[in-house]
Structures are given as structure tokens and as C-alpha cells.
Amino acid sequence: MSVEEVPTLEYLVTMATHVPEGTPEEAVQEIRTRGAGRSRQLTARGHLLRLWRPPLQTGEWRTLGLFAADDGDQLEKVLASMPLRVWRTGKATPLAPHPNDPGLTARDTGTEILTTFAITIPEGTATTTVDDIEAREAERAKELTGQGHLRRLWKLPDQPSAPGLWNARDPAEMRATLTSLPLDPWMMVETTPLSMHPNDPATTRP
């Protein structure tokens, strides 16, 4: 890939870091510093789009990342180039385009929340009813984007699930936003509140 080309596929990567017992703090800080520099390089090359921290238990060190690559092999090379890889394990989930995705990756005010929708259409539902609700869903997605609530929306290949990135002031506003969706009666939703990561391109990018 030349420097002018942009990676074509997106991946959500869950990363867990386990520092070996007895590792000197100086070594940890040195790898963290190199990791921050590498994150900036990957951002400049279009591979690192976002970084977050999910809720953590005491002693946990986990990160969620949104990466871009041309394929799984290139993504593996990107992840392997990160200094923390020596202590890190991860799982990459390929993301497919969603027709209602607004394509916004910048961080907004409030709390960012990752959701996963699993949609089950009741057996016997007329096709015209499904088409009507999906059309209203697309319009509502545009409204929520304009209001600053919906940031990104994807599909999972070969699965009836749709991960999304949202913005809300508090859990009550997030619940109200989700229940306003026309597909809400058919959806099961998992939500994960996200906190800022110091190397997140949305806050470190000039």
C-alpha cells in the first residue's frame, strides 16, 4: 500500500495487556511511551482510528480500538508493530458497512457508548411492514446523527448484529435514545460505556 492509499476495511479490536510479575516500572513506562509514539504513526498512516477504555476491574488493563486495514494479514502486521504487543493478547472483529452509518469518528462531549444490536423480526411479519420500519429507522438515524447522538454504525458479516458508537450525557439519555428507534421492539441491546484513552486519535490528532 502506498502512502496515498487509505486502508479499506475496519476492525474492532479488543486488547488485554498482562504485564509479567516483577517487571520494573521503568520498563513499563518505557514501553508505554514507545506505544504512544507508535499510535501516532499508525494514526498518520490511517490504520488507527480510535482508542477507548471499557469498564475495568481492579488490576485489569484492557483497550478497545478501531483500526483500518486492507485485510486481516495487514491488520496483524499493524497490531504486531505496537510495542505493548509483547504483553498483549487481542481479538479482532471485522466490521461491514451499515447503510445508516454517519461515518463520524471524532470525539464529542459527553460519554461515548458502544452498543451491539441483535435484531429478531417476528415470524410472519409482512415484508412491507419490515420495509416501512427500516425506512423510518434510517430517517431516525439521520436525526440522531444531527443531534450528536449517533457517531458510527456497522454490521457484522454474516450475523444479524449491528455494533454502534453513540454519545450521551448519561445512561438515562442513552436509554431514551435507543427506545426512540423504530426497530426497538425487535432489538436486544448490549451497551458498554467507554472512557477516554490517552492515545485516542480523536484527542491527540492535531
C-alpha atoms as a PDB file:
ATOM      1  CA  MET A   1       0.000   0.000   0.000  1.00  0.00           C
ATOM      2  CA  SER A   2       1.451   3.408  -0.963  1.00  0.00           C
ATOM      3  CA  VAL A   3       1.310   6.347   1.432  1.00  0.00           C
ATOM      4  CA  GLU A   4      -1.503   7.890  -0.613  1.00  0.00           C
ATOM      5  CA  GLU A   5      -3.826   4.888  -0.291  1.00  0.00           C
ATOM      6  CA  VAL A   6      -6.314   4.586   2.555  1.00  0.00           C
ATOM      7  CA  PRO A   7      -6.999   1.223   4.268  1.00  0.00           C
ATOM      8  CA  THR A   8     -10.356  -0.071   3.107  1.00  0.00           C
ATOM      9  CA  LEU A   9     -11.703  -2.253   5.958  1.00  0.00           C
ATOM     10  CA  GLU A  10     -12.454  -1.516   9.608  1.00  0.00           C
ATOM     11  CA  TYR A  11     -11.924  -3.784  12.605  1.00  0.00           C
ATOM     12  CA  LEU A  12     -12.934  -3.527  16.245  1.00  0.00           C
ATOM     13  CA  VAL A  13     -10.079  -4.941  18.314  1.00  0.00           C
ATOM     14  CA  THR A  14     -10.330  -5.928  21.980  1.00  0.00           C
ATOM     15  CA  MET A  15      -6.892  -5.907  23.612  1.00  0.00           C
ATOM     16  CA  ALA A  16      -5.885  -7.191  27.046  1.00  0.00           C
ATOM     17  CA  THR A  17      -2.427  -6.452  28.453  1.00  0.00           C
ATOM     18  CA  HIS A  18      -0.794  -8.621  31.125  1.00  0.00           C
ATOM     19  CA  VAL A  19       2.468  -7.228  32.487  1.00  0.00           C
ATOM     20  CA  PRO A  20       4.657 -10.053  33.843  1.00  0.00           C
ATOM     21  CA  GLU A  21       5.018 -10.035  37.606  1.00  0.00           C
ATOM     22  CA  GLY A  22       8.233  -8.373  38.703  1.00  0.00           C
ATOM     23  CA  THR A  23       8.578  -6.159  35.611  1.00  0.00           C
ATOM     24  CA  PRO A  24      10.281  -2.885  36.663  1.00  0.00           C
ATOM     25  CA  GLU A  25       8.070   0.187  36.478  1.00  0.00           C
ATOM     26  CA  GLU A  26      10.713   1.875  34.329  1.00  0.00           C
ATOM     27  CA  ALA A  27      10.303  -0.855  31.699  1.00  0.00           C
ATOM     28  CA  VAL A  28       6.521  -0.464  31.753  1.00  0.00           C
ATOM     29  CA  GLN A  29       6.746   3.300  31.283  1.00  0.00           C
ATOM     30  CA  GLU A  30       9.309   2.926  28.501  1.00  0.00           C
ATOM     31  CA  ILE A  31       7.047   0.604  26.516  1.00  0.00           C
ATOM     32  CA  ARG A  32       4.053   2.848  27.167  1.00  0.00           C
ATOM     33  CA  THR A  33       5.994   5.843  25.837  1.00  0.00           C
ATOM     34  CA  ARG A  34       7.019   3.941  22.710  1.00  0.00           C
ATOM     35  CA  GLY A  35       3.416   2.766  22.368  1.00  0.00           C
ATOM     36  CA  ALA A  36       2.139   6.333  22.342  1.00  0.00           C
ATOM     37  CA  GLY A  37       4.623   7.230  19.604  1.00  0.00           C
ATOM     38  CA  ARG A  38       3.652   4.206  17.539  1.00  0.00           C
ATOM     39  CA  SER A  39      -0.036   5.061  17.944  1.00  0.00           C
ATOM     40  CA  ARG A  40       0.637   8.486  16.444  1.00  0.00           C
ATOM     41  CA  GLN A  41       2.420   6.879  13.496  1.00  0.00           C
ATOM     42  CA  LEU A  42      -0.439   4.449  12.873  1.00  0.00           C
ATOM     43  CA  THR A  43      -2.926   7.305  13.077  1.00  0.00           C
ATOM     44  CA  ALA A  44      -0.982   9.277  10.472  1.00  0.00           C
ATOM     45  CA  ARG A  45      -0.990   6.239   8.170  1.00  0.00           C
ATOM     46  CA  GLY A  46      -4.756   5.745   8.523  1.00  0.00           C
ATOM     47  CA  HIS A  47      -4.589   2.465  10.459  1.00  0.00           C
ATOM     48  CA  LEU A  48      -5.588   3.645  13.944  1.00  0.00           C
ATOM     49  CA  LEU A  49      -8.934   5.455  14.038  1.00  0.00           C
ATOM     50  CA  ARG A  50      -9.990   5.395  17.703  1.00  0.00           C
ATOM     51  CA  LEU A  51      -8.965   4.011  21.112  1.00  0.00           C
ATOM     52  CA  TRP A  52     -11.102   3.616  24.236  1.00  0.00           C
ATOM     53  CA  ARG A  53     -11.032   2.060  27.673  1.00  0.00           C
ATOM     54  CA  PRO A  54     -14.043  -0.101  28.625  1.00  0.00           C
ATOM     55  CA  PRO A  55     -15.083  -0.528  32.274  1.00  0.00           C
ATOM     56  CA  LEU A  56     -12.207  -2.156  34.160  1.00  0.00           C
ATOM     57  CA  GLN A  57     -11.901  -4.311  37.249  1.00  0.00           C
ATOM     58  CA  THR A  58      -9.058  -3.719  39.688  1.00  0.00           C
ATOM     59  CA  GLY A  59      -5.780  -4.717  38.082  1.00  0.00           C
ATOM     60  CA  GLU A  60      -7.226  -5.023  34.566  1.00  0.00           C
ATOM     61  CA  TRP A  61      -5.556  -3.355  31.597  1.00  0.00           C
ATOM     62  CA  ARG A  62      -7.852  -3.503  28.570  1.00  0.00           C
ATOM     63  CA  THR A  63      -8.321  -1.374  25.479  1.00  0.00           C
ATOM     64  CA  LEU A  64     -10.822  -1.223  22.620  1.00  0.00           C
ATOM     65  CA  GLY A  65      -9.515   0.006  19.304  1.00  0.00           C
ATOM     66  CA  LEU A  66     -10.988   0.864  15.921  1.00  0.00           C
ATOM     67  CA  PHE A  67      -8.428   0.012  13.245  1.00  0.00           C
ATOM     68  CA  ALA A  68      -8.354   0.125   9.453  1.00  0.00           C
ATOM     69  CA  ALA A  69      -6.508  -2.279   7.159  1.00  0.00           C
ATOM     70  CA  ASP A  70      -6.809  -3.798   3.712  1.00  0.00           C
ATOM     71  CA  ASP A  71      -7.221  -7.324   5.130  1.00  0.00           C
ATOM     72  CA  GLY A  72      -6.618  -9.469   8.190  1.00  0.00           C
ATOM     73  CA  ASP A  73      -2.961 -10.042   7.345  1.00  0.00           C
ATOM     74  CA  GLN A  74      -2.240  -6.336   7.206  1.00  0.00           C
ATOM     75  CA  LEU A  75      -4.143  -5.794  10.449  1.00  0.00           C
ATOM     76  CA  GLU A  76      -1.986  -8.437  12.155  1.00  0.00           C
ATOM     77  CA  LYS A  77       1.153  -6.626  10.997  1.00  0.00           C
ATOM     78  CA  VAL A  78      -0.237  -3.356  12.369  1.00  0.00           C
ATOM     79  CA  LEU A  79      -1.050  -4.900  15.750  1.00  0.00           C
ATOM     80  CA  ALA A  80       2.294  -6.717  15.900  1.00  0.00           C
ATOM     81  CA  SER A  81       4.101  -3.410  15.372  1.00  0.00           C
ATOM     82  CA  MET A  82       2.706  -1.946  18.600  1.00  0.00           C
ATOM     83  CA  PRO A  83       5.260  -2.134  21.474  1.00  0.00           C
ATOM     84  CA  LEU A  84       2.702  -3.423  24.005  1.00  0.00           C
ATOM     85  CA  ARG A  85       2.150  -6.498  21.827  1.00  0.00           C
ATOM     86  CA  VAL A  86       4.861  -8.284  23.876  1.00  0.00           C
ATOM     87  CA  TRP A  87       2.386  -8.366  26.795  1.00  0.00           C
ATOM     88  CA  ARG A  88      -0.892  -8.173  24.917  1.00  0.00           C
ATOM     89  CA  THR A  89      -3.481 -10.558  23.568  1.00  0.00           C
ATOM     90  CA  GLY A  90      -6.348  -9.459  21.390  1.00  0.00           C
ATOM     91  CA  LYS A  91      -9.403 -10.358  19.362  1.00  0.00           C
ATOM     92  CA  ALA A  92     -10.240  -8.616  16.103  1.00  0.00           C
ATOM     93  CA  THR A  93     -13.818  -8.390  14.821  1.00  0.00           C
ATOM     94  CA  PRO A  94     -14.230  -7.384  11.156  1.00  0.00           C
ATOM     95  CA  LEU A  95     -16.856  -4.717  10.592  1.00  0.00           C
ATOM     96  CA  ALA A  96     -19.013  -4.334   7.497  1.00  0.00           C
ATOM     97  CA  PRO A  97     -20.543  -1.076   6.235  1.00  0.00           C
ATOM     98  CA  HIS A  98     -24.007  -0.189   7.521  1.00  0.00           C
ATOM     99  CA  PRO A  99     -26.309   1.893   5.292  1.00  0.00           C
ATOM    100  CA  ASN A 100     -27.153   4.189   8.242  1.00  0.00           C
ATOM    101  CA  ASP A 101     -23.531   4.803   9.290  1.00  0.00           C
ATOM    102  CA  PRO A 102     -22.840   8.557   9.598  1.00  0.00           C
ATOM    103  CA  GLY A 103     -19.077   7.962   9.407  1.00  0.00           C
ATOM    104  CA  LEU A 104     -18.138  10.282  12.289  1.00  0.00           C
ATOM    105  CA  THR A 105     -15.005   9.246  14.225  1.00  0.00           C
ATOM    106  CA  ALA A 106     -14.269  12.460  16.134  1.00  0.00           C
ATOM    107  CA  ARG A 107     -14.921  12.518  19.867  1.00  0.00           C
ATOM    108  CA  ASP A 108     -17.826  14.655  21.103  1.00  0.00           C
ATOM    109  CA  THR A 109     -18.787  15.920  24.547  1.00  0.00           C
ATOM    110  CA  GLY A 110     -20.489  13.528  26.953  1.00  0.00           C
ATOM    111  CA  THR A 111     -19.913   9.802  27.329  1.00  0.00           C
ATOM    112  CA  GLU A 112     -19.248   7.564  24.350  1.00  0.00           C
ATOM    113  CA  ILE A 113     -21.087   4.250  24.442  1.00  0.00           C
ATOM    114  CA  LEU A 114     -20.584   1.134  22.354  1.00  0.00           C
ATOM    115  CA  THR A 115     -23.753  -0.819  21.600  1.00  0.00           C
ATOM    116  CA  THR A 116     -24.470  -4.109  19.885  1.00  0.00           C
ATOM    117  CA  PHE A 117     -27.935  -4.629  18.427  1.00  0.00           C
ATOM    118  CA  ALA A 118     -29.310  -8.089  17.778  1.00  0.00           C
ATOM    119  CA  ILE A 119     -32.476  -7.774  15.703  1.00  0.00           C
ATOM    120  CA  THR A 120     -35.099 -10.530  15.560  1.00  0.00           C
ATOM    121  CA  ILE A 121     -38.006  -9.953  13.197  1.00  0.00           C
ATOM    122  CA  PRO A 122     -41.148 -11.741  14.460  1.00  0.00           C
ATOM    123  CA  GLU A 123     -42.137 -14.700  12.319  1.00  0.00           C
ATOM    124  CA  GLY A 124     -44.906 -13.859   9.895  1.00  0.00           C
ATOM    125  CA  THR A 125     -44.169 -10.114   9.752  1.00  0.00           C
ATOM    126  CA  ALA A 126     -45.121  -8.744   6.361  1.00  0.00           C
ATOM    127  CA  THR A 127     -42.297  -7.602   4.098  1.00  0.00           C
ATOM    128  CA  THR A 128     -43.992  -4.228   3.636  1.00  0.00           C
ATOM    129  CA  THR A 129     -44.012  -3.744   7.411  1.00  0.00           C
ATOM    130  CA  VAL A 130     -40.299  -4.538   7.642  1.00  0.00           C
ATOM    131  CA  ASP A 131     -39.502  -2.170   4.768  1.00  0.00           C
ATOM    132  CA  ASP A 132     -41.505   0.622   6.390  1.00  0.00           C
ATOM    133  CA  ILE A 133     -39.798   0.229   9.780  1.00  0.00           C
ATOM    134  CA  GLU A 134     -36.335   0.063   8.200  1.00  0.00           C
ATOM    135  CA  ALA A 135     -37.074   3.247   6.236  1.00  0.00           C
ATOM    136  CA  ARG A 136     -38.172   5.007   9.428  1.00  0.00           C
ATOM    137  CA  GLU A 137     -35.074   3.641  11.173  1.00  0.00           C
ATOM    138  CA  ALA A 138     -32.858   5.261   8.533  1.00  0.00           C
ATOM    139  CA  GLU A 139     -34.603   8.604   8.988  1.00  0.00           C
ATOM    140  CA  ARG A 140     -34.313   8.381  12.770  1.00  0.00           C
ATOM    141  CA  ALA A 141     -30.605   7.577  12.435  1.00  0.00           C
ATOM    142  CA  LYS A 142     -30.123  10.796  10.455  1.00  0.00           C
ATOM    143  CA  GLU A 143     -31.968  12.757  13.140  1.00  0.00           C
ATOM    144  CA  LEU A 144     -29.865  11.245  15.932  1.00  0.00           C
ATOM    145  CA  THR A 145     -26.700  11.983  13.978  1.00  0.00           C
ATOM    146  CA  GLY A 146     -27.749  15.606  13.642  1.00  0.00           C
ATOM    147  CA  GLN A 147     -28.416  15.741  17.385  1.00  0.00           C
ATOM    148  CA  GLY A 148     -24.918  14.430  18.130  1.00  0.00           C
ATOM    149  CA  HIS A 149     -26.033  11.038  19.493  1.00  0.00           C
ATOM    150  CA  LEU A 150     -25.089   8.605  16.719  1.00  0.00           C
ATOM    151  CA  ARG A 151     -21.402   8.598  15.767  1.00  0.00           C
ATOM    152  CA  ARG A 152     -20.834   5.313  13.894  1.00  0.00           C
ATOM    153  CA  LEU A 153     -22.813   2.237  12.896  1.00  0.00           C
ATOM    154  CA  TRP A 154     -21.582  -1.038  11.424  1.00  0.00           C
ATOM    155  CA  LYS A 155     -22.781  -4.542  10.557  1.00  0.00           C
ATOM    156  CA  LEU A 156     -21.120  -7.829  11.456  1.00  0.00           C
ATOM    157  CA  PRO A 157     -20.538 -10.018   8.397  1.00  0.00           C
ATOM    158  CA  ASP A 158     -22.945 -12.958   8.252  1.00  0.00           C
ATOM    159  CA  GLN A 159     -24.552 -12.018  11.599  1.00  0.00           C
ATOM    160  CA  PRO A 160     -27.790 -10.170  12.444  1.00  0.00           C
ATOM    161  CA  SER A 161     -25.904  -7.813  14.775  1.00  0.00           C
ATOM    162  CA  ALA A 162     -25.037  -4.143  14.405  1.00  0.00           C
ATOM    163  CA  PRO A 163     -22.355  -2.508  16.580  1.00  0.00           C
ATOM    164  CA  GLY A 164     -22.770   1.226  17.076  1.00  0.00           C
ATOM    165  CA  LEU A 165     -20.927   4.141  18.671  1.00  0.00           C
ATOM    166  CA  TRP A 166     -23.084   6.681  20.477  1.00  0.00           C
ATOM    167  CA  ASN A 167     -22.777   9.799  22.582  1.00  0.00           C
ATOM    168  CA  ALA A 168     -24.948  10.612  25.597  1.00  0.00           C
ATOM    169  CA  ARG A 169     -24.881  12.775  28.717  1.00  0.00           C
ATOM    170  CA  ASP A 170     -25.902   9.902  30.989  1.00  0.00           C
ATOM    171  CA  PRO A 171     -27.470   6.397  30.948  1.00  0.00           C
ATOM    172  CA  ALA A 172     -30.992   7.829  31.021  1.00  0.00           C
ATOM    173  CA  GLU A 173     -30.400   9.786  27.826  1.00  0.00           C
ATOM    174  CA  MET A 174     -28.884   6.717  26.191  1.00  0.00           C
ATOM    175  CA  ARG A 175     -31.923   4.607  27.093  1.00  0.00           C
ATOM    176  CA  ALA A 176     -34.268   7.280  25.739  1.00  0.00           C
ATOM    177  CA  THR A 177     -32.267   7.455  22.519  1.00  0.00           C
ATOM    178  CA  LEU A 178     -32.379   3.707  21.964  1.00  0.00           C
ATOM    179  CA  THR A 179     -36.082   3.368  22.728  1.00  0.00           C
ATOM    180  CA  SER A 180     -36.785   6.095  20.167  1.00  0.00           C
ATOM    181  CA  LEU A 181     -35.569   3.817  17.373  1.00  0.00           C
ATOM    182  CA  PRO A 182     -38.364   2.295  15.270  1.00  0.00           C
ATOM    183  CA  LEU A 183     -36.627  -1.110  15.462  1.00  0.00           C
ATOM    184  CA  ASP A 184     -36.534  -1.007  19.270  1.00  0.00           C
ATOM    185  CA  PRO A 185     -39.372  -3.564  19.773  1.00  0.00           C
ATOM    186  CA  TRP A 186     -37.343  -6.118  17.798  1.00  0.00           C
ATOM    187  CA  MET A 187     -33.921  -5.377  19.325  1.00  0.00           C
ATOM    188  CA  MET A 188     -31.823  -6.828  22.102  1.00  0.00           C
ATOM    189  CA  VAL A 189     -29.143  -4.311  23.038  1.00  0.00           C
ATOM    190  CA  GLU A 190     -25.853  -4.621  24.903  1.00  0.00           C
ATOM    191  CA  THR A 191     -24.231  -1.339  25.990  1.00  0.00           C
ATOM    192  CA  THR A 192     -20.648  -0.652  27.074  1.00  0.00           C
ATOM    193  CA  PRO A 193     -19.739   2.812  28.391  1.00  0.00           C
ATOM    194  CA  LEU A 194     -16.326   3.931  27.178  1.00  0.00           C
ATOM    195  CA  SER A 195     -13.781   6.232  28.775  1.00  0.00           C
ATOM    196  CA  MET A 196     -11.023   8.247  27.145  1.00  0.00           C
ATOM    197  CA  HIS A 197      -7.735   6.606  26.213  1.00  0.00           C
ATOM    198  CA  PRO A 198      -4.637   8.844  26.339  1.00  0.00           C
ATOM    199  CA  ASN A 199      -3.583   7.719  22.849  1.00  0.00           C
ATOM    200  CA  ASP A 200      -7.015   8.119  21.226  1.00  0.00           C
ATOM    201  CA  PRO A 201      -6.538   9.782  17.811  1.00  0.00           C
ATOM    202  CA  ALA A 202      -9.710  11.813  18.371  1.00  0.00           C
ATOM    203  CA  THR A 203      -7.943  13.715  21.166  1.00  0.00           C
ATOM    204  CA  THR A 204      -4.302  13.534  20.042  1.00  0.00           C
ATOM    205  CA  ARG A 205      -4.757  14.324  16.341  1.00  0.00           C
ATOM    206  CA  PRO A 206      -3.726  17.959  15.559  1.00  0.00           C
END
